[in-house]
Protein backbone atom coordinates (compact mmCIF):
# COMPACT_ATOMS: atom_id res chain seq x y z
CA UNK A 1 8.38 -46.27 37.37
CA UNK A 2 8.33 -42.61 35.83
CA UNK A 3 10.92 -41.51 38.34
CA UNK A 4 13.30 -44.22 36.83
CA UNK A 5 12.17 -43.77 33.34
CA UNK A 6 10.83 -40.25 32.79
CA UNK A 7 10.14 -40.88 29.07
CA UNK A 8 7.23 -43.05 30.34
CA UNK A 9 5.26 -40.26 31.87
CA UNK A 10 1.77 -40.29 30.38
CA UNK A 11 2.24 -43.80 29.02
CA UNK A 12 2.16 -45.43 32.37
CA UNK A 13 -0.48 -43.26 33.54
CA UNK A 14 -2.58 -44.47 30.66
CA UNK A 15 -1.83 -48.18 31.55
CA UNK A 16 -2.50 -47.71 35.20
CA UNK A 17 -5.79 -45.86 34.47
CA UNK A 18 -7.03 -48.70 32.26
CA UNK A 19 -5.91 -51.22 34.82
CA UNK A 20 -7.97 -49.39 37.54
CA UNK A 21 -11.12 -49.56 35.31
CA UNK A 22 -11.17 -45.87 34.00
CA UNK A 23 -12.73 -45.45 30.61
CA UNK A 24 -10.68 -45.33 27.48
CA UNK A 25 -11.07 -41.60 26.77
CA UNK A 26 -9.83 -40.79 30.34
CA UNK A 27 -6.71 -42.97 30.07
CA UNK A 28 -6.05 -41.49 26.51
CA UNK A 29 -6.38 -37.90 28.00
CA UNK A 30 -3.75 -38.88 30.67
CA UNK A 31 -1.34 -40.21 28.01
CA UNK A 32 -1.78 -37.03 25.86
CA UNK A 33 -1.64 -34.30 28.36
CA UNK A 34 2.18 -34.03 28.20
CA UNK A 35 2.04 -33.55 24.45
CA UNK A 36 3.75 -32.15 22.62
CA UNK A 37 6.99 -33.12 24.21
CA UNK A 38 9.25 -31.19 21.63
CA UNK A 39 8.97 -28.14 19.58
CA UNK A 40 7.58 -30.25 16.56
CA UNK A 41 6.26 -33.11 18.59
CA UNK A 42 3.07 -34.96 18.07
CA UNK A 43 0.00 -33.23 19.27
CA UNK A 44 -3.05 -34.63 21.32
CA UNK A 45 -5.65 -36.37 19.14
CA UNK A 46 -8.68 -36.37 21.56
CA UNK A 47 -10.43 -33.26 22.84
CA UNK A 48 -10.11 -34.49 26.43
CA UNK A 49 -6.22 -34.75 25.99
CA UNK A 50 -5.91 -31.43 24.16
CA UNK A 51 -7.96 -29.56 26.87
CA UNK A 52 -6.06 -31.31 29.73
CA UNK A 53 -2.79 -30.37 27.91
CA UNK A 54 -3.83 -26.77 27.57
CA UNK A 55 -4.93 -26.37 31.08
CA UNK A 56 -1.67 -28.18 32.64
CA UNK A 57 0.56 -25.90 30.53
CA UNK A 58 -1.05 -22.60 31.05
CA UNK A 59 -1.14 -23.42 34.81
CA UNK A 60 2.58 -24.13 34.83
CA UNK A 61 3.36 -21.01 32.96
CA UNK A 62 1.36 -18.55 34.90
CA UNK A 63 2.35 -20.14 38.34
CA UNK A 64 5.96 -19.82 37.54
CA UNK A 65 5.72 -16.21 36.22
CA UNK A 66 3.65 -15.20 39.27
CA UNK A 67 6.58 -16.20 41.59
CA UNK A 68 9.24 -14.75 39.43
CA UNK A 69 10.35 -17.89 37.66
CA UNK A 70 10.66 -17.04 33.86
CA UNK A 71 12.60 -18.07 30.89
CA UNK A 72 15.66 -15.84 30.05
CA UNK A 73 18.22 -16.00 27.48
CA UNK A 74 19.11 -19.61 26.90
CA UNK A 75 17.83 -20.62 30.39
CA UNK A 76 14.43 -22.25 30.56
CA UNK A 77 14.70 -24.87 33.29
CA UNK A 78 10.88 -25.40 33.35
CA UNK A 79 10.46 -25.66 29.65
CA UNK A 80 8.02 -22.66 29.58
CA UNK A 81 8.75 -21.88 25.99
CA UNK A 82 8.06 -25.33 24.78
CA UNK A 83 4.89 -25.42 26.91
CA UNK A 84 3.72 -21.99 25.51
CA UNK A 85 4.52 -23.27 21.90
CA UNK A 86 2.62 -26.42 22.77
CA UNK A 87 -0.61 -24.42 23.77
CA UNK A 88 -0.41 -22.34 20.54
CA UNK A 89 0.00 -25.44 18.37
CA UNK A 90 -2.89 -27.18 20.00
CA UNK A 91 -5.24 -24.23 19.67
CA UNK A 92 -4.32 -23.83 16.03
CA UNK A 93 -4.58 -27.62 15.30
CA UNK A 94 -7.88 -28.03 17.07
CA UNK A 95 -9.24 -24.56 15.88
CA UNK A 96 -10.50 -24.02 19.46
CA UNK A 97 -11.82 -20.28 19.87
CA UNK A 98 -10.42 -20.02 23.40
CA UNK A 99 -9.54 -16.44 24.41
CA UNK A 100 -5.85 -16.52 25.96
CA UNK A 101 -6.88 -13.49 28.13
CA UNK A 102 -9.84 -15.27 29.55
CA UNK A 103 -7.85 -18.39 30.42
CA UNK A 104 -5.26 -16.14 32.04
CA UNK A 105 -7.89 -14.55 34.14
CA UNK A 106 -9.38 -17.78 35.36
CA UNK A 107 -5.93 -19.30 36.06
CA UNK A 108 -4.76 -16.23 38.02
CA UNK A 109 -7.81 -16.44 40.46
CA UNK A 110 -6.84 -19.97 41.27
CA UNK A 111 -3.23 -19.14 42.29
CA UNK A 112 -2.51 -19.37 46.06
CA UNK A 113 0.79 -17.33 45.75
CA UNK A 114 0.72 -14.17 43.74
CA UNK A 115 3.97 -12.26 44.07
CA UNK A 116 3.18 -10.17 40.93
CA UNK A 117 0.14 -7.74 40.42
CA UNK A 118 -2.50 -9.10 37.99
CA UNK A 119 -2.09 -6.41 35.23
CA UNK A 120 1.77 -6.54 35.40
CA UNK A 121 1.60 -10.40 35.22
CA UNK A 122 -0.72 -10.19 32.12
CA UNK A 123 1.64 -7.89 30.38
CA UNK A 124 4.48 -10.31 31.11
CA UNK A 125 2.51 -13.31 30.12
CA UNK A 126 1.42 -11.64 26.81
CA UNK A 127 4.95 -10.56 25.84
CA UNK A 128 6.02 -14.07 26.42
CA UNK A 129 3.22 -15.61 24.30
CA UNK A 130 3.59 -12.80 21.63
CA UNK A 131 7.10 -14.04 21.05
CA UNK A 132 6.11 -17.71 20.97
CA UNK A 133 3.20 -16.90 18.53
CA UNK A 134 5.67 -15.22 16.10
CA UNK A 135 7.99 -18.27 16.33
CA UNK A 136 5.13 -20.80 15.81
CA UNK A 137 3.83 -18.66 12.80
CA UNK A 138 7.36 -17.89 11.49
CA UNK A 139 6.24 -19.00 7.94
CA UNK A 140 4.57 -15.54 7.56
CA UNK A 141 6.46 -12.19 7.03
CA UNK A 142 7.18 -10.09 10.01
CA UNK A 143 4.79 -7.25 8.73
CA UNK A 144 2.03 -9.71 8.60
CA UNK A 145 2.70 -10.84 12.21
CA UNK A 146 3.03 -7.15 13.45
CA UNK A 147 -0.29 -6.17 11.96
CA UNK A 148 -2.15 -9.13 13.33
CA UNK A 149 -0.63 -9.00 16.77
CA UNK A 150 -1.24 -5.28 16.95
CA UNK A 151 -4.97 -5.78 17.63
CA UNK A 152 -6.48 -6.80 20.85
CA UNK A 153 -7.54 -10.29 19.81
CA UNK A 154 -6.26 -13.10 22.05
CA UNK A 155 -8.01 -16.20 20.11
CA UNK A 156 -4.95 -17.70 18.87
CA UNK A 157 -6.59 -19.85 16.31
CA UNK A 158 -8.30 -16.62 14.77
CA UNK A 159 -4.89 -14.84 14.61
CA UNK A 160 -3.46 -17.81 12.69
CA UNK A 161 -6.27 -17.76 10.28
CA UNK A 162 -5.98 -13.94 9.90
CA UNK A 163 -2.30 -14.24 9.31
CA UNK A 164 -2.79 -16.95 6.55
CA UNK A 165 -5.53 -14.95 4.85
CA UNK A 166 -3.31 -11.77 4.78
CA UNK A 167 -0.32 -13.64 3.52
CA UNK A 168 -2.28 -15.11 0.58
CA UNK A 169 -3.97 -11.94 -0.14
CA UNK A 170 -0.56 -10.03 -0.31
CA UNK A 171 0.21 -11.93 -3.53
CA UNK A 172 -3.28 -11.17 -5.06
CA UNK A 173 -4.09 -8.34 -7.62
CA UNK A 174 -6.27 -6.57 -5.09
CA UNK A 175 -3.56 -6.33 -2.27
CA UNK A 176 -2.49 -2.76 -3.48
CA UNK A 177 -5.99 -1.57 -3.61
CA UNK A 178 -6.49 -2.76 -0.06
CA UNK A 179 -3.43 -1.01 1.33
CA UNK A 180 -3.64 2.11 -0.71
CA UNK A 181 -7.29 2.83 0.18
CA UNK A 182 -6.84 2.00 3.81
CA UNK A 183 -3.71 4.03 4.33
CA UNK A 184 -5.11 7.20 2.59
CA UNK A 185 -8.15 6.89 4.87
CA UNK A 186 -6.07 6.15 8.07
CA UNK A 187 -3.70 9.07 7.65
CA UNK A 188 -6.37 11.55 7.93
CA UNK A 189 -8.71 9.55 10.27
CA UNK A 190 -5.98 9.76 12.92
CA UNK A 191 -6.69 13.45 13.23
CA UNK A 192 -10.46 12.48 14.21
CA UNK A 193 -11.30 12.67 17.88
CA UNK A 194 -13.21 9.80 19.55
CA UNK A 195 -16.26 11.94 20.13
CA UNK A 196 -16.67 12.90 16.40
CA UNK A 197 -19.94 11.33 15.09
CA UNK A 198 -20.88 11.04 11.55
CA UNK A 199 -24.23 12.79 10.46
CA UNK A 200 -25.60 11.90 7.13
CA UNK A 201 -27.39 15.23 6.98
CA UNK A 202 -23.96 17.07 6.80
CA UNK A 203 -22.73 15.35 3.60
CA UNK A 204 -23.00 17.56 0.52
CA UNK A 205 -20.37 16.67 -2.13
CA UNK A 206 -21.11 14.10 -4.71
CA UNK A 207 -17.97 11.91 -3.88
CA UNK A 208 -18.45 11.90 -0.13
CA UNK A 209 -22.02 10.75 -0.79
CA UNK A 210 -20.65 8.08 -3.09
CA UNK A 211 -17.97 6.92 -0.53
CA UNK A 212 -20.65 6.80 2.26
CA UNK A 213 -23.04 4.64 -0.03
CA UNK A 214 -20.14 2.38 -1.00
CA UNK A 215 -19.12 1.96 2.77
CA UNK A 216 -22.78 1.34 3.80
CA UNK A 217 -23.06 -1.13 0.81
CA UNK A 218 -20.20 -3.41 1.99
CA UNK A 219 -20.53 -2.98 5.80
CA UNK A 220 -22.97 -5.89 6.38
CA UNK A 221 -21.25 -8.19 3.76
CA UNK A 222 -17.80 -7.49 5.35
CA UNK A 223 -19.08 -8.18 8.90
CA UNK A 224 -20.73 -11.31 7.95
CA UNK A 225 -17.51 -12.58 6.52
CA UNK A 226 -15.88 -11.73 9.92
CA UNK A 227 -18.68 -13.58 11.67
CA UNK A 228 -18.03 -16.69 9.50
CA UNK A 229 -14.36 -16.33 9.98
CA UNK A 230 -13.93 -15.79 6.14
CA UNK A 231 -11.02 -13.28 6.51
CA UNK A 232 -9.79 -13.53 2.98
CA UNK A 233 -13.35 -12.69 1.68
CA UNK A 234 -13.51 -9.71 4.21
CA UNK A 235 -10.18 -8.37 2.86
CA UNK A 236 -11.39 -8.53 -0.75
CA UNK A 237 -14.79 -6.80 0.06
CA UNK A 238 -12.87 -4.05 1.91
CA UNK A 239 -10.44 -3.59 -0.96
CA UNK A 240 -13.23 -2.39 -3.13
CA UNK A 241 -13.31 0.94 -1.24
CA UNK A 242 -10.03 1.99 -2.85
CA UNK A 243 -11.70 3.69 -5.84
CA UNK A 244 -14.39 5.71 -3.98
CA UNK A 245 -11.71 6.60 -1.25
CA UNK A 246 -9.35 7.99 -4.04
CA UNK A 247 -12.21 9.84 -5.74
CA UNK A 248 -13.04 11.41 -2.26
CA UNK A 249 -9.59 12.65 -1.75
CA UNK A 250 -9.28 13.87 -5.35
CA UNK A 251 -12.54 15.91 -5.26
CA UNK A 252 -13.24 16.59 -1.48
CA UNK A 253 -11.51 18.90 0.74
CA UNK A 254 -11.41 17.35 4.26
CA UNK A 255 -9.64 19.93 6.42
CA UNK A 256 -11.98 22.74 5.56
CA UNK A 257 -12.50 25.80 7.86
CA UNK A 258 -16.09 24.80 8.70
CA UNK A 259 -15.55 22.57 11.83
CA UNK A 260 -18.80 20.73 11.30
CA UNK A 261 -18.01 19.60 7.91
CA UNK A 262 -14.39 18.88 8.77
CA UNK A 263 -15.31 16.73 11.76
CA UNK A 264 -18.04 14.96 9.91
CA UNK A 265 -15.64 14.02 6.95
CA UNK A 266 -13.14 12.78 9.47
CA UNK A 267 -15.72 10.72 11.24
CA UNK A 268 -16.56 9.12 7.86
CA UNK A 269 -12.91 8.16 7.33
CA UNK A 270 -12.73 6.93 11.05
CA UNK A 271 -15.78 4.76 10.52
CA UNK A 272 -14.04 3.05 7.40
CA UNK A 273 -10.82 2.54 9.15
CA UNK A 274 -12.72 1.05 12.23
CA UNK A 275 -14.38 -1.44 10.14
CA UNK A 276 -11.17 -3.24 9.50
CA UNK A 277 -9.66 -3.01 12.91
CA UNK A 278 -10.99 -6.31 14.34
CA UNK A 279 -8.91 -7.93 11.53
CA UNK A 280 -5.43 -6.28 11.64
CA UNK A 281 -3.65 -2.95 11.74
CA UNK A 282 -3.09 -2.70 8.12
CA UNK A 283 -0.92 0.46 8.50
CA UNK A 284 1.90 -1.95 9.61
CA UNK A 285 1.77 -3.93 6.22
CA UNK A 286 4.46 -3.28 3.56
CA UNK A 287 3.09 -2.29 0.15
């Protein structure tokens, strides 16, 4: 039936499943697991159908890439771009907090034929999905997508929410405060080494004390907003650091001859920058 009428794939499976006595939710999943069948096609309604669609598509993509079959130029005989976009759209629509890298790892272990090393295959897989994510989220400016995709977060539904939050925040009156404060801290924080640790006993100047206290004052609130996926609120909280950051730079010399003091001040700035890192790389945003 489907060989003669390919447009009936899923539809006939649904009917055959019901005829053979399977439950409705199983028959519905069979009918939905090909969705979406086009770039803007209808998405699965049921969770069973959505999960089955994701599993089928990710298996197809990874299996093809693992044996050297990939989409190139205008050639995409296996519809890998459409299937990747379908996975992304389903994850966003259903708000599933599934980690793409974890799904890749699980699928890779099930492959019988592996012509490409795991790390190399992951890099190709993520580049492929990175391009598709940008296409699906093309309503957002390129700098927003650059900043969001620069972090190691492979939960697609989270990335979509972060991009939406940043895009909306960009038109708010607090946006410049967010960017100015972050970039001033980040420019010097890059000089800090990973083994620098902040010691409260070493802070002396009034404005570095005030900056530390403000940072401590917002940290828990900021992290609570992140835990609740309230990215817009998290950005607003972080933007309140602009004034104490500016006062710090206007009144405190960071690159002093005393290495202990210098490294401690760099460590403080690094802690501030690290706070926002799970959200996006704000240095890539345009003011």
